[in-house]
Amino acid sequence: MDELRRQLPADAAPERLDADVREGLRLAESDPAALLDEGRTAAAMALMTCDGAALDGLAGIADARRGEVVGEDITYVVNRDINFSNIDTAGPPASLRFQCPPVPARAVRADDDFLD
């Protein structure tokens, strides 16, 4: 047992997630729209600023949702670049709004024709 401990890095312990992050991940998986509720601002902000295991969990939830909605075949992806430079935080905390750039969504068929 001591030999195994010596082989593991010192920071090999599992990462503990904050209660707001756990709540945000639970909502993101079960009821994503609930993250917009006024009483859930802390959970929403925790997801927007998470990293490490929490970010991996959020990415897994997003990937599963994408698979449910559009399937596994992806032919074209538009990056809407949602980050803190385009999140309006000037109002009360519950009024977070995303300001996406004015780019129309497009899809591509197998023959590479763009669809508007």
PDB file of N, CA and C in Angstrom:
ATOM      1  N   MET A   1       0.823  -1.190   0.000  1.00  0.00           N
ATOM      2  CA  MET A   1       0.000   0.000   0.000  1.00  0.00           C
ATOM      3  C   MET A   1       0.868   1.255   0.000  1.00  0.00           C
ATOM      4  N   ASP A   2       1.921   1.260   0.809  1.00  0.00           N
ATOM      5  CA  ASP A   2       2.810   2.424   0.853  1.00  0.00           C
ATOM      6  C   ASP A   2       3.485   2.653  -0.491  1.00  0.00           C
ATOM      7  N   GLU A   3       3.791   1.558  -1.180  1.00  0.00           N
ATOM      8  CA  GLU A   3       4.412   1.678  -2.508  1.00  0.00           C
ATOM      9  C   GLU A   3       3.472   2.398  -3.475  1.00  0.00           C
ATOM     10  N   LEU A   4       2.183   2.068  -3.424  1.00  0.00           N
ATOM     11  CA  LEU A   4       1.203   2.743  -4.279  1.00  0.00           C
ATOM     12  C   LEU A   4       1.107   4.225  -3.941  1.00  0.00           C
ATOM     13  N   ARG A   5       1.112   4.554  -2.677  1.00  0.00           N
ATOM     14  CA  ARG A   5       1.042   5.962  -2.267  1.00  0.00           C
ATOM     15  C   ARG A   5       2.230   6.748  -2.802  1.00  0.00           C
ATOM     16  N   ARG A   6       3.398   6.143  -2.798  1.00  0.00           N
ATOM     17  CA  ARG A   6       4.590   6.837  -3.307  1.00  0.00           C
ATOM     18  C   ARG A   6       4.498   7.066  -4.815  1.00  0.00           C
ATOM     19  N   GLN A   7       3.792   6.195  -5.516  1.00  0.00           N
ATOM     20  CA  GLN A   7       3.684   6.319  -6.967  1.00  0.00           C
ATOM     21  C   GLN A   7       2.658   7.365  -7.394  1.00  0.00           C
ATOM     22  N   LEU A   8       1.716   7.673  -6.531  1.00  0.00           N
ATOM     23  CA  LEU A   8       0.681   8.655  -6.867  1.00  0.00           C
ATOM     24  C   LEU A   8       1.192  10.067  -6.651  1.00  0.00           C
ATOM     25  N   PRO A   9       0.805  10.997  -7.526  1.00  0.00           N
ATOM     26  CA  PRO A   9       1.169  12.393  -7.284  1.00  0.00           C
ATOM     27  C   PRO A   9       0.482  12.910  -6.023  1.00  0.00           C
ATOM     28  N   ALA A  10       1.063  13.923  -5.408  1.00  0.00           N
ATOM     29  CA  ALA A  10       0.527  14.469  -4.155  1.00  0.00           C
ATOM     30  C   ALA A  10      -0.882  15.020  -4.330  1.00  0.00           C
ATOM     31  N   ASP A  11      -1.198  15.521  -5.515  1.00  0.00           N
ATOM     32  CA  ASP A  11      -2.516  16.126  -5.742  1.00  0.00           C
ATOM     33  C   ASP A  11      -3.488  15.144  -6.402  1.00  0.00           C
ATOM     34  N   ALA A  12      -3.336  13.849  -6.143  1.00  0.00           N
ATOM     35  CA  ALA A  12      -4.163  12.832  -6.788  1.00  0.00           C
ATOM     36  C   ALA A  12      -5.539  12.682  -6.150  1.00  0.00           C
ATOM     37  N   ALA A  13      -5.807  13.377  -5.058  1.00  0.00           N
ATOM     38  CA  ALA A  13      -7.116  13.275  -4.409  1.00  0.00           C
ATOM     39  C   ALA A  13      -8.191  13.861  -5.323  1.00  0.00           C
ATOM     40  N   PRO A  14      -9.395  13.308  -5.291  1.00  0.00           N
ATOM     41  CA  PRO A  14     -10.470  13.844  -6.131  1.00  0.00           C
ATOM     42  C   PRO A  14     -10.785  15.291  -5.756  1.00  0.00           C
ATOM     43  N   GLU A  15     -11.153  16.060  -6.749  1.00  0.00           N
ATOM     44  CA  GLU A  15     -11.484  17.468  -6.525  1.00  0.00           C
ATOM     45  C   GLU A  15     -12.870  17.562  -5.897  1.00  0.00           C
ATOM     46  N   ARG A  16     -12.993  18.374  -4.850  1.00  0.00           N
ATOM     47  CA  ARG A  16     -14.295  18.591  -4.212  1.00  0.00           C
ATOM     48  C   ARG A  16     -14.987  19.745  -4.906  1.00  0.00           C
ATOM     49  N   LEU A  17     -16.262  19.580  -5.202  1.00  0.00           N
ATOM     50  CA  LEU A  17     -17.022  20.614  -5.890  1.00  0.00           C
ATOM     51  C   LEU A  17     -17.826  21.429  -4.892  1.00  0.00           C
ATOM     52  N   ASP A  18     -17.822  22.731  -5.080  1.00  0.00           N
ATOM     53  CA  ASP A  18     -18.593  23.661  -4.276  1.00  0.00           C
ATOM     54  C   ASP A  18     -20.089  23.349  -4.423  1.00  0.00           C
ATOM     55  N   ALA A  19     -20.876  23.675  -3.409  1.00  0.00           N
ATOM     56  CA  ALA A  19     -22.319  23.399  -3.438  1.00  0.00           C
ATOM     57  C   ALA A  19     -22.998  24.086  -4.615  1.00  0.00           C
ATOM     58  N   ASP A  20     -22.595  25.332  -4.937  1.00  0.00           N
ATOM     59  CA  ASP A  20     -23.202  26.040  -6.072  1.00  0.00           C
ATOM     60  C   ASP A  20     -22.876  25.344  -7.391  1.00  0.00           C
ATOM     61  N   VAL A  21     -21.664  24.834  -7.514  1.00  0.00           N
ATOM     62  CA  VAL A  21     -21.282  24.111  -8.734  1.00  0.00           C
ATOM     63  C   VAL A  21     -22.087  22.821  -8.845  1.00  0.00           C
ATOM     64  N   ARG A  22     -22.212  22.087  -7.738  1.00  0.00           N
ATOM     65  CA  ARG A  22     -23.000  20.846  -7.759  1.00  0.00           C
ATOM     66  C   ARG A  22     -24.446  21.131  -8.141  1.00  0.00           C
ATOM     67  N   GLU A  23     -25.022  22.198  -7.562  1.00  0.00           N
ATOM     68  CA  GLU A  23     -26.404  22.571  -7.892  1.00  0.00           C
ATOM     69  C   GLU A  23     -26.510  22.970  -9.361  1.00  0.00           C
ATOM     70  N   GLY A  24     -25.548  23.741  -9.852  1.00  0.00           N
ATOM     71  CA  GLY A  24     -25.556  24.147 -11.260  1.00  0.00           C
ATOM     72  C   GLY A  24     -25.472  22.954 -12.197  1.00  0.00           C
ATOM     73  N   LEU A  25     -24.604  22.005 -11.893  1.00  0.00           N
ATOM     74  CA  LEU A  25     -24.482  20.809 -12.732  1.00  0.00           C
ATOM     75  C   LEU A  25     -25.763  19.976 -12.692  1.00  0.00           C
ATOM     76  N   ARG A  26     -26.363  19.870 -11.507  1.00  0.00           N
ATOM     77  CA  ARG A  26     -27.626  19.121 -11.392  1.00  0.00           C
ATOM     78  C   ARG A  26     -28.705  19.757 -12.253  1.00  0.00           C
ATOM     79  N   LEU A  27     -28.811  21.097 -12.183  1.00  0.00           N
ATOM     80  CA  LEU A  27     -29.813  21.797 -12.985  1.00  0.00           C
ATOM     81  C   LEU A  27     -29.491  21.731 -14.476  1.00  0.00           C
ATOM     82  N   ALA A  28     -28.225  21.867 -14.823  1.00  0.00           N
ATOM     83  CA  ALA A  28     -27.836  21.812 -16.235  1.00  0.00           C
ATOM     84  C   ALA A  28     -28.235  20.473 -16.849  1.00  0.00           C
ATOM     85  N   GLU A  29     -28.175  19.431 -16.058  1.00  0.00           N
ATOM     86  CA  GLU A  29     -28.520  18.107 -16.571  1.00  0.00           C
ATOM     87  C   GLU A  29     -30.025  17.865 -16.585  1.00  0.00           C
ATOM     88  N   SER A  30     -30.733  18.304 -15.538  1.00  0.00           N
ATOM     89  CA  SER A  30     -32.150  17.966 -15.413  1.00  0.00           C
ATOM     90  C   SER A  30     -33.100  19.038 -15.938  1.00  0.00           C
ATOM     91  N   ASP A  31     -32.767  20.319 -15.756  1.00  0.00           N
ATOM     92  CA  ASP A  31     -33.671  21.415 -16.142  1.00  0.00           C
ATOM     93  C   ASP A  31     -32.856  22.675 -16.426  1.00  0.00           C
ATOM     94  N   PRO A  32     -32.162  22.750 -17.565  1.00  0.00           N
ATOM     95  CA  PRO A  32     -31.262  23.873 -17.838  1.00  0.00           C
ATOM     96  C   PRO A  32     -31.937  25.243 -17.762  1.00  0.00           C
ATOM     97  N   ALA A  33     -33.204  25.334 -18.147  1.00  0.00           N
ATOM     98  CA  ALA A  33     -33.899  26.623 -18.111  1.00  0.00           C
ATOM     99  C   ALA A  33     -34.018  27.156 -16.686  1.00  0.00           C
ATOM    100  N   ALA A  34     -33.993  26.283 -15.694  1.00  0.00           N
ATOM    101  CA  ALA A  34     -34.094  26.710 -14.298  1.00  0.00           C
ATOM    102  C   ALA A  34     -32.890  27.542 -13.871  1.00  0.00           C
ATOM    103  N   LEU A  35     -31.774  27.433 -14.593  1.00  0.00           N
ATOM    104  CA  LEU A  35     -30.596  28.248 -14.268  1.00  0.00           C
ATOM    105  C   LEU A  35     -30.854  29.733 -14.497  1.00  0.00           C
ATOM    106  N   LEU A  36     -31.912  30.069 -15.234  1.00  0.00           N
ATOM    107  CA  LEU A  36     -32.263  31.469 -15.473  1.00  0.00           C
ATOM    108  C   LEU A  36     -33.140  32.046 -14.368  1.00  0.00           C
ATOM    109  N   ASP A  37     -33.625  31.204 -13.447  1.00  0.00           N
ATOM    110  CA  ASP A  37     -34.461  31.685 -12.346  1.00  0.00           C
ATOM    111  C   ASP A  37     -33.657  32.609 -11.437  1.00  0.00           C
ATOM    112  N   GLU A  38     -34.318  33.624 -10.912  1.00  0.00           N
ATOM    113  CA  GLU A  38     -33.655  34.617 -10.063  1.00  0.00           C
ATOM    114  C   GLU A  38     -32.956  33.984  -8.860  1.00  0.00           C
ATOM    115  N   GLY A  39     -33.547  32.973  -8.287  1.00  0.00           N
ATOM    116  CA  GLY A  39     -32.964  32.336  -7.115  1.00  0.00           C
ATOM    117  C   GLY A  39     -31.805  31.394  -7.422  1.00  0.00           C
ATOM    118  N   ARG A  40     -31.492  31.211  -8.681  1.00  0.00           N
ATOM    119  CA  ARG A  40     -30.436  30.276  -9.080  1.00  0.00           C
ATOM    120  C   ARG A  40     -29.205  30.982  -9.653  1.00  0.00           C
ATOM    121  N   THR A  41     -29.079  32.276  -9.389  1.00  0.00           N
ATOM    122  CA  THR A  41     -27.965  33.056  -9.942  1.00  0.00           C
ATOM    123  C   THR A  41     -26.613  32.496  -9.512  1.00  0.00           C
ATOM    124  N   ALA A  42     -26.490  32.101  -8.253  1.00  0.00           N
ATOM    125  CA  ALA A  42     -25.204  31.586  -7.760  1.00  0.00           C
ATOM    126  C   ALA A  42     -24.810  30.314  -8.503  1.00  0.00           C
ATOM    127  N   ALA A  43     -25.769  29.444  -8.759  1.00  0.00           N
ATOM    128  CA  ALA A  43     -25.479  28.204  -9.487  1.00  0.00           C
ATOM    129  C   ALA A  43     -25.090  28.504 -10.930  1.00  0.00           C
ATOM    130  N   ALA A  44     -25.796  29.449 -11.562  1.00  0.00           N
ATOM    131  CA  ALA A  44     -25.477  29.818 -12.948  1.00  0.00           C
ATOM    132  C   ALA A  44     -24.085  30.434 -13.037  1.00  0.00           C
ATOM    133  N   MET A  45     -23.769  31.339 -12.118  1.00  0.00           N
ATOM    134  CA  MET A  45     -22.449  31.976 -12.132  1.00  0.00           C
ATOM    135  C   MET A  45     -21.347  30.957 -11.832  1.00  0.00           C
ATOM    136  N   ALA A  46     -21.638  29.994 -10.965  1.00  0.00           N
ATOM    137  CA  ALA A  46     -20.642  28.963 -10.655  1.00  0.00           C
ATOM    138  C   ALA A  46     -20.299  28.159 -11.904  1.00  0.00           C
ATOM    139  N   LEU A  47     -21.299  27.877 -12.740  1.00  0.00           N
ATOM    140  CA  LEU A  47     -21.022  27.145 -13.976  1.00  0.00           C
ATOM    141  C   LEU A  47     -20.247  27.997 -14.974  1.00  0.00           C
ATOM    142  N   MET A  48     -20.528  29.297 -15.009  1.00  0.00           N
ATOM    143  CA  MET A  48     -19.829  30.173 -15.960  1.00  0.00           C
ATOM    144  C   MET A  48     -18.368  30.371 -15.603  1.00  0.00           C
ATOM    145  N   THR A  49     -18.015  30.111 -14.354  1.00  0.00           N
ATOM    146  CA  THR A  49     -16.633  30.340 -13.922  1.00  0.00           C
ATOM    147  C   THR A  49     -15.921  29.052 -13.512  1.00  0.00           C
ATOM    148  N   CYS A  50     -16.540  27.904 -13.745  1.00  0.00           N
ATOM    149  CA  CYS A  50     -15.951  26.646 -13.270  1.00  0.00           C
ATOM    150  C   CYS A  50     -14.753  26.223 -14.119  1.00  0.00           C
ATOM    151  N   ASP A  51     -13.946  25.353 -13.529  1.00  0.00           N
ATOM    152  CA  ASP A  51     -12.815  24.764 -14.243  1.00  0.00           C
ATOM    153  C   ASP A  51     -12.575  23.372 -13.677  1.00  0.00           C
ATOM    154  N   GLY A  52     -11.570  22.692 -14.155  1.00  0.00           N
ATOM    155  CA  GLY A  52     -11.225  21.376 -13.632  1.00  0.00           C
ATOM    156  C   GLY A  52     -12.329  20.353 -13.814  1.00  0.00           C
ATOM    157  N   ALA A  53     -12.596  19.585 -12.761  1.00  0.00           N
ATOM    158  CA  ALA A  53     -13.589  18.512 -12.818  1.00  0.00           C
ATOM    159  C   ALA A  53     -14.986  19.056 -13.096  1.00  0.00           C
ATOM    160  N   ALA A  54     -15.297  20.249 -12.573  1.00  0.00           N
ATOM    161  CA  ALA A  54     -16.614  20.842 -12.813  1.00  0.00           C
ATOM    162  C   ALA A  54     -16.797  21.169 -14.288  1.00  0.00           C
ATOM    163  N   LEU A  55     -15.770  21.730 -14.911  1.00  0.00           N
ATOM    164  CA  LEU A  55     -15.845  22.049 -16.336  1.00  0.00           C
ATOM    165  C   LEU A  55     -15.946  20.772 -17.168  1.00  0.00           C
ATOM    166  N   ASP A  56     -15.225  19.739 -16.772  1.00  0.00           N
ATOM    167  CA  ASP A  56     -15.337  18.454 -17.465  1.00  0.00           C
ATOM    168  C   ASP A  56     -16.762  17.910 -17.358  1.00  0.00           C
ATOM    169  N   GLY A  57     -17.366  18.032 -16.171  1.00  0.00           N
ATOM    170  CA  GLY A  57     -18.744  17.587 -15.988  1.00  0.00           C
ATOM    171  C   GLY A  57     -19.715  18.380 -16.833  1.00  0.00           C
ATOM    172  N   LEU A  58     -19.534  19.699 -16.882  1.00  0.00           N
ATOM    173  CA  LEU A  58     -20.403  20.553 -17.689  1.00  0.00           C
ATOM    174  C   LEU A  58     -20.257  20.219 -19.170  1.00  0.00           C
ATOM    175  N   ALA A  59     -19.032  19.998 -19.622  1.00  0.00           N
ATOM    176  CA  ALA A  59     -18.805  19.627 -21.023  1.00  0.00           C
ATOM    177  C   ALA A  59     -19.466  18.288 -21.340  1.00  0.00           C
ATOM    178  N   GLY A  60     -19.419  17.357 -20.400  1.00  0.00           N
ATOM    179  CA  GLY A  60     -20.075  16.066 -20.595  1.00  0.00           C
ATOM    180  C   GLY A  60     -21.584  16.204 -20.711  1.00  0.00           C
ATOM    181  N   ILE A  61     -22.168  17.063 -19.877  1.00  0.00           N
ATOM    182  CA  ILE A  61     -23.610  17.310 -19.942  1.00  0.00           C
ATOM    183  C   ILE A  61     -23.968  17.947 -21.279  1.00  0.00           C
ATOM    184  N   ALA A  62     -23.183  18.937 -21.702  1.00  0.00           N
ATOM    185  CA  ALA A  62     -23.438  19.611 -22.980  1.00  0.00           C
ATOM    186  C   ALA A  62     -23.307  18.633 -24.146  1.00  0.00           C
ATOM    187  N   ASP A  63     -22.313  17.764 -24.094  1.00  0.00           N
ATOM    188  CA  ASP A  63     -22.121  16.799 -25.173  1.00  0.00           C
ATOM    189  C   ASP A  63     -23.275  15.800 -25.225  1.00  0.00           C
ATOM    190  N   ALA A  64     -23.742  15.357 -24.060  1.00  0.00           N
ATOM    191  CA  ALA A  64     -24.880  14.436 -24.020  1.00  0.00           C
ATOM    192  C   ALA A  64     -26.130  15.108 -24.577  1.00  0.00           C
ATOM    193  N   ARG A  65     -26.356  16.378 -24.215  1.00  0.00           N
ATOM    194  CA  ARG A  65     -27.532  17.108 -24.713  1.00  0.00           C
ATOM    195  C   ARG A  65     -27.448  17.287 -26.224  1.00  0.00           C
ATOM    196  N   ARG A  66     -26.240  17.617 -26.712  1.00  0.00           N
ATOM    197  CA  ARG A  66     -26.052  17.756 -28.152  1.00  0.00           C
ATOM    198  C   ARG A  66     -26.371  16.444 -28.851  1.00  0.00           C
ATOM    199  N   GLY A  67     -25.906  15.334 -28.285  1.00  0.00           N
ATOM    200  CA  GLY A  67     -26.179  14.032 -28.873  1.00  0.00           C
ATOM    201  C   GLY A  67     -27.664  13.713 -28.912  1.00  0.00           C
ATOM    202  N   GLU A  68     -28.403  14.099 -27.864  1.00  0.00           N
ATOM    203  CA  GLU A  68     -29.852  13.879 -27.833  1.00  0.00           C
ATOM    204  C   GLU A  68     -30.561  14.718 -28.885  1.00  0.00           C
ATOM    205  N   VAL A  69     -30.128  15.959 -29.051  1.00  0.00           N
ATOM    206  CA  VAL A  69     -30.833  16.902 -29.925  1.00  0.00           C
ATOM    207  C   VAL A  69     -30.500  16.684 -31.398  1.00  0.00           C
ATOM    208  N   VAL A  70     -29.222  16.542 -31.720  1.00  0.00           N
ATOM    209  CA  VAL A  70     -28.838  16.486 -33.135  1.00  0.00           C
ATOM    210  C   VAL A  70     -28.171  15.180 -33.538  1.00  0.00           C
ATOM    211  N   GLY A  71     -27.961  14.273 -32.624  1.00  0.00           N
ATOM    212  CA  GLY A  71     -27.310  13.021 -32.972  1.00  0.00           C
ATOM    213  C   GLY A  71     -25.798  13.136 -32.933  1.00  0.00           C
ATOM    214  N   GLU A  72     -25.140  12.098 -33.384  1.00  0.00           N
ATOM    215  CA  GLU A  72     -23.686  12.033 -33.288  1.00  0.00           C
ATOM    216  C   GLU A  72     -22.953  12.580 -34.508  1.00  0.00           C
ATOM    217  N   ASP A  73     -23.654  12.765 -35.633  1.00  0.00           N
ATOM    218  CA  ASP A  73     -22.994  13.272 -36.838  1.00  0.00           C
ATOM    219  C   ASP A  73     -22.967  14.789 -36.825  1.00  0.00           C
ATOM    220  N   ILE A  74     -21.772  15.363 -36.763  1.00  0.00           N
ATOM    221  CA  ILE A  74     -21.603  16.815 -36.818  1.00  0.00           C
ATOM    222  C   ILE A  74     -20.823  17.132 -38.081  1.00  0.00           C
ATOM    223  N   THR A  75     -21.401  17.999 -38.915  1.00  0.00           N
ATOM    224  CA  THR A  75     -20.713  18.343 -40.154  1.00  0.00           C
ATOM    225  C   THR A  75     -20.263  19.790 -40.179  1.00  0.00           C
ATOM    226  N   TYR A  76     -20.851  20.638 -39.343  1.00  0.00           N
ATOM    227  CA  TYR A  76     -20.533  22.059 -39.369  1.00  0.00           C
ATOM    228  C   TYR A  76     -20.884  22.649 -38.010  1.00  0.00           C
ATOM    229  N   VAL A  77     -19.993  23.394 -37.423  1.00  0.00           N
ATOM    230  CA  VAL A  77     -20.222  23.973 -36.104  1.00  0.00           C
ATOM    231  C   VAL A  77     -19.957  25.466 -36.164  1.00  0.00           C
ATOM    232  N   VAL A  78     -20.857  26.271 -35.594  1.00  0.00           N
ATOM    233  CA  VAL A  78     -20.651  27.708 -35.473  1.00  0.00           C
ATOM    234  C   VAL A  78     -20.290  27.991 -34.027  1.00  0.00           C
ATOM    235  N   ASN A  79     -19.162  28.621 -33.793  1.00  0.00           N
ATOM    236  CA  ASN A  79     -18.752  29.009 -32.453  1.00  0.00           C
ATOM    237  C   ASN A  79     -19.339  30.382 -32.168  1.00  0.00           C
ATOM    238  N   ARG A  80     -20.294  30.455 -31.264  1.00  0.00           N
ATOM    239  CA  ARG A  80     -20.929  31.734 -30.921  1.00  0.00           C
ATOM    240  C   ARG A  80     -20.093  32.520 -29.921  1.00  0.00           C
ATOM    241  N   ASP A  81     -18.977  31.972 -29.489  1.00  0.00           N
ATOM    242  CA  ASP A  81     -18.015  32.662 -28.637  1.00  0.00           C
ATOM    243  C   ASP A  81     -18.685  33.333 -27.443  1.00  0.00           C
ATOM    244  N   ILE A  82     -19.390  32.554 -26.643  1.00  0.00           N
ATOM    245  CA  ILE A  82     -20.029  33.099 -25.449  1.00  0.00           C
ATOM    246  C   ILE A  82     -19.009  33.069 -24.322  1.00  0.00           C
ATOM    247  N   ASN A  83     -18.589  34.234 -23.894  1.00  0.00           N
ATOM    248  CA  ASN A  83     -17.650  34.361 -22.789  1.00  0.00           C
ATOM    249  C   ASN A  83     -18.001  35.639 -22.030  1.00  0.00           C
ATOM    250  N   PHE A  84     -17.199  36.032 -21.082  1.00  0.00           N
ATOM    251  CA  PHE A  84     -17.552  37.186 -20.268  1.00  0.00           C
ATOM    252  C   PHE A  84     -17.528  38.497 -21.039  1.00  0.00           C
ATOM    253  N   SER A  85     -16.950  38.527 -22.235  1.00  0.00           N
ATOM    254  CA  SER A  85     -16.957  39.771 -23.004  1.00  0.00           C
ATOM    255  C   SER A  85     -18.307  40.022 -23.656  1.00  0.00           C
ATOM    256  N   ASN A  86     -19.167  39.004 -23.744  1.00  0.00           N
ATOM    257  CA  ASN A  86     -20.484  39.234 -24.327  1.00  0.00           C
ATOM    258  C   ASN A  86     -21.620  38.748 -23.424  1.00  0.00           C
ATOM    259  N   ILE A  87     -21.384  38.771 -22.116  1.00  0.00           N
ATOM    260  CA  ILE A  87     -22.449  38.531 -21.144  1.00  0.00           C
ATOM    261  C   ILE A  87     -22.729  39.858 -20.455  1.00  0.00           C
ATOM    262  N   ASP A  88     -23.968  40.311 -20.546  1.00  0.00           N
ATOM    263  CA  ASP A  88     -24.357  41.589 -19.965  1.00  0.00           C
ATOM    264  C   ASP A  88     -24.613  41.389 -18.475  1.00  0.00           C
ATOM    265  N   THR A  89     -23.744  41.948 -17.644  1.00  0.00           N
ATOM    266  CA  THR A  89     -23.904  41.823 -16.195  1.00  0.00           C
ATOM    267  C   THR A  89     -24.200  43.168 -15.553  1.00  0.00           C
ATOM    268  N   ALA A  90     -24.608  44.161 -16.358  1.00  0.00           N
ATOM    269  CA  ALA A  90     -24.843  45.501 -15.826  1.00  0.00           C
ATOM    270  C   ALA A  90     -26.088  45.565 -14.947  1.00  0.00           C
ATOM    271  N   GLY A  91     -27.083  44.734 -15.220  1.00  0.00           N
ATOM    272  CA  GLY A  91     -28.319  44.772 -14.451  1.00  0.00           C
ATOM    273  C   GLY A  91     -28.205  43.960 -13.180  1.00  0.00           C
ATOM    274  N   PRO A  92     -29.348  43.718 -12.526  1.00  0.00           N
ATOM    275  CA  PRO A  92     -29.351  42.883 -11.329  1.00  0.00           C
ATOM    276  C   PRO A  92     -28.817  41.488 -11.667  1.00  0.00           C
ATOM    277  N   PRO A  93     -28.283  40.752 -10.691  1.00  0.00           N
ATOM    278  CA  PRO A  93     -27.678  39.446 -10.975  1.00  0.00           C
ATOM    279  C   PRO A  93     -28.589  38.483 -11.726  1.00  0.00           C
ATOM    280  N   ALA A  94     -29.881  38.545 -11.486  1.00  0.00           N
ATOM    281  CA  ALA A  94     -30.786  37.601 -12.142  1.00  0.00           C
ATOM    282  C   ALA A  94     -31.077  37.980 -13.586  1.00  0.00           C
ATOM    283  N   SER A  95     -30.578  39.126 -14.041  1.00  0.00           N
ATOM    284  CA  SER A  95     -30.907  39.566 -15.397  1.00  0.00           C
ATOM    285  C   SER A  95     -29.760  39.315 -16.370  1.00  0.00           C
ATOM    286  N   LEU A  96     -28.965  38.277 -16.134  1.00  0.00           N
ATOM    287  CA  LEU A  96     -27.867  37.969 -17.048  1.00  0.00           C
ATOM    288  C   LEU A  96     -28.431  37.694 -18.439  1.00  0.00           C
ATOM    289  N   ARG A  97     -27.859  38.349 -19.435  1.00  0.00           N
ATOM    290  CA  ARG A  97     -28.301  38.148 -20.815  1.00  0.00           C
ATOM    291  C   ARG A  97     -27.072  37.912 -21.680  1.00  0.00           C
ATOM    292  N   PHE A  98     -27.189  36.978 -22.584  1.00  0.00           N
ATOM    293  CA  PHE A  98     -26.106  36.722 -23.521  1.00  0.00           C
ATOM    294  C   PHE A  98     -26.302  37.600 -24.749  1.00  0.00           C
ATOM    295  N   GLN A  99     -25.240  38.235 -25.192  1.00  0.00           N
ATOM    296  CA  GLN A  99     -25.292  39.083 -26.374  1.00  0.00           C
ATOM    297  C   GLN A  99     -24.503  38.394 -27.478  1.00  0.00           C
ATOM    298  N   CYS A 100     -25.182  37.588 -28.264  1.00  0.00           N
ATOM    299  CA  CYS A 100     -24.506  36.871 -29.338  1.00  0.00           C
ATOM    300  C   CYS A 100     -24.269  37.804 -30.515  1.00  0.00           C
ATOM    301  N   PRO A 101     -23.178  37.604 -31.227  1.00  0.00           N
ATOM    302  CA  PRO A 101     -22.927  38.411 -32.412  1.00  0.00           C
ATOM    303  C   PRO A 101     -24.009  38.169 -33.459  1.00  0.00           C
ATOM    304  N   PRO A 102     -24.311  39.166 -34.273  1.00  0.00           N
ATOM    305  CA  PRO A 102     -25.401  39.038 -35.255  1.00  0.00           C
ATOM    306  C   PRO A 102     -24.987  38.208 -36.467  1.00  0.00           C
ATOM    307  N   VAL A 103     -24.725  36.924 -36.245  1.00  0.00           N
ATOM    308  CA  VAL A 103     -24.356  36.020 -37.331  1.00  0.00           C
ATOM    309  C   VAL A 103     -25.482  35.011 -37.481  1.00  0.00           C
ATOM    310  N   PRO A 104     -26.051  34.881 -38.674  1.00  0.00           N
ATOM    311  CA  PRO A 104     -27.153  33.928 -38.832  1.00  0.00           C
ATOM    312  C   PRO A 104     -26.663  32.496 -38.666  1.00  0.00           C
ATOM    313  N   ALA A 105     -27.490  31.680 -38.039  1.00  0.00           N
ATOM    314  CA  ALA A 105     -27.155  30.266 -37.884  1.00  0.00           C
ATOM    315  C   ALA A 105     -27.250  29.585 -39.240  1.00  0.00           C
ATOM    316  N   ARG A 106     -26.346  28.685 -39.509  1.00  0.00           N
ATOM    317  CA  ARG A 106     -26.340  27.977 -40.785  1.00  0.00           C
ATOM    318  C   ARG A 106     -26.088  26.498 -40.534  1.00  0.00           C
ATOM    319  N   ALA A 107     -26.496  25.711 -41.486  1.00  0.00           N
ATOM    320  CA  ALA A 107     -26.223  24.277 -41.442  1.00  0.00           C
ATOM    321  C   ALA A 107     -25.674  23.863 -42.799  1.00  0.00           C
ATOM    322  N   VAL A 108     -25.007  22.739 -42.848  1.00  0.00           N
ATOM    323  CA  VAL A 108     -24.434  22.250 -44.100  1.00  0.00           C
ATOM    324  C   VAL A 108     -24.959  20.850 -44.361  1.00  0.00           C
ATOM    325  N   ARG A 109     -25.417  20.630 -45.575  1.00  0.00           N
ATOM    326  CA  ARG A 109     -25.828  19.284 -45.962  1.00  0.00           C
ATOM    327  C   ARG A 109     -24.600  18.495 -46.390  1.00  0.00           C
ATOM    328  N   ALA A 110     -24.795  17.237 -46.628  1.00  0.00           N
ATOM    329  CA  ALA A 110     -23.679  16.372 -47.020  1.00  0.00           C
ATOM    330  C   ALA A 110     -22.998  16.847 -48.297  1.00  0.00           C
ATOM    331  N   ASP A 111     -23.748  17.523 -49.197  1.00  0.00           N
ATOM    332  CA  ASP A 111     -23.148  17.991 -50.452  1.00  0.00           C
ATOM    333  C   ASP A 111     -22.566  19.399 -50.311  1.00  0.00           C
ATOM    334  N   ASP A 112     -22.358  19.848 -49.059  1.00  0.00           N
ATOM    335  CA  ASP A 112     -21.711  21.128 -48.733  1.00  0.00           C
ATOM    336  C   ASP A 112     -22.502  22.358 -49.145  1.00  0.00           C
ATOM    337  N   ASP A 113     -23.808  22.246 -49.399  1.00  0.00           N
ATOM    338  CA  ASP A 113     -24.638  23.426 -49.644  1.00  0.00           C
ATOM    339  C   ASP A 113     -24.994  24.045 -48.304  1.00  0.00           C
ATOM    340  N   PHE A 114     -24.840  25.360 -48.186  1.00  0.00           N
ATOM    341  CA  PHE A 114     -25.200  26.045 -46.953  1.00  0.00           C
ATOM    342  C   PHE A 114     -26.700  26.261 -46.915  1.00  0.00           C
ATOM    343  N   LEU A 115     -27.289  26.042 -45.771  1.00  0.00           N
ATOM    344  CA  LEU A 115     -28.719  26.261 -45.568  1.00  0.00           C
ATOM    345  C   LEU A 115     -28.895  27.424 -44.617  1.00  0.00           C
ATOM    346  N   ASP A 116     -29.749  28.368 -44.945  1.00  0.00           N
ATOM    347  CA  ASP A 116     -30.033  29.492 -44.041  1.00  0.00           C
ATOM    348  C   ASP A 116     -31.200  29.163 -43.158  1.00  0.00           C
TER     349      ASP A 116
END
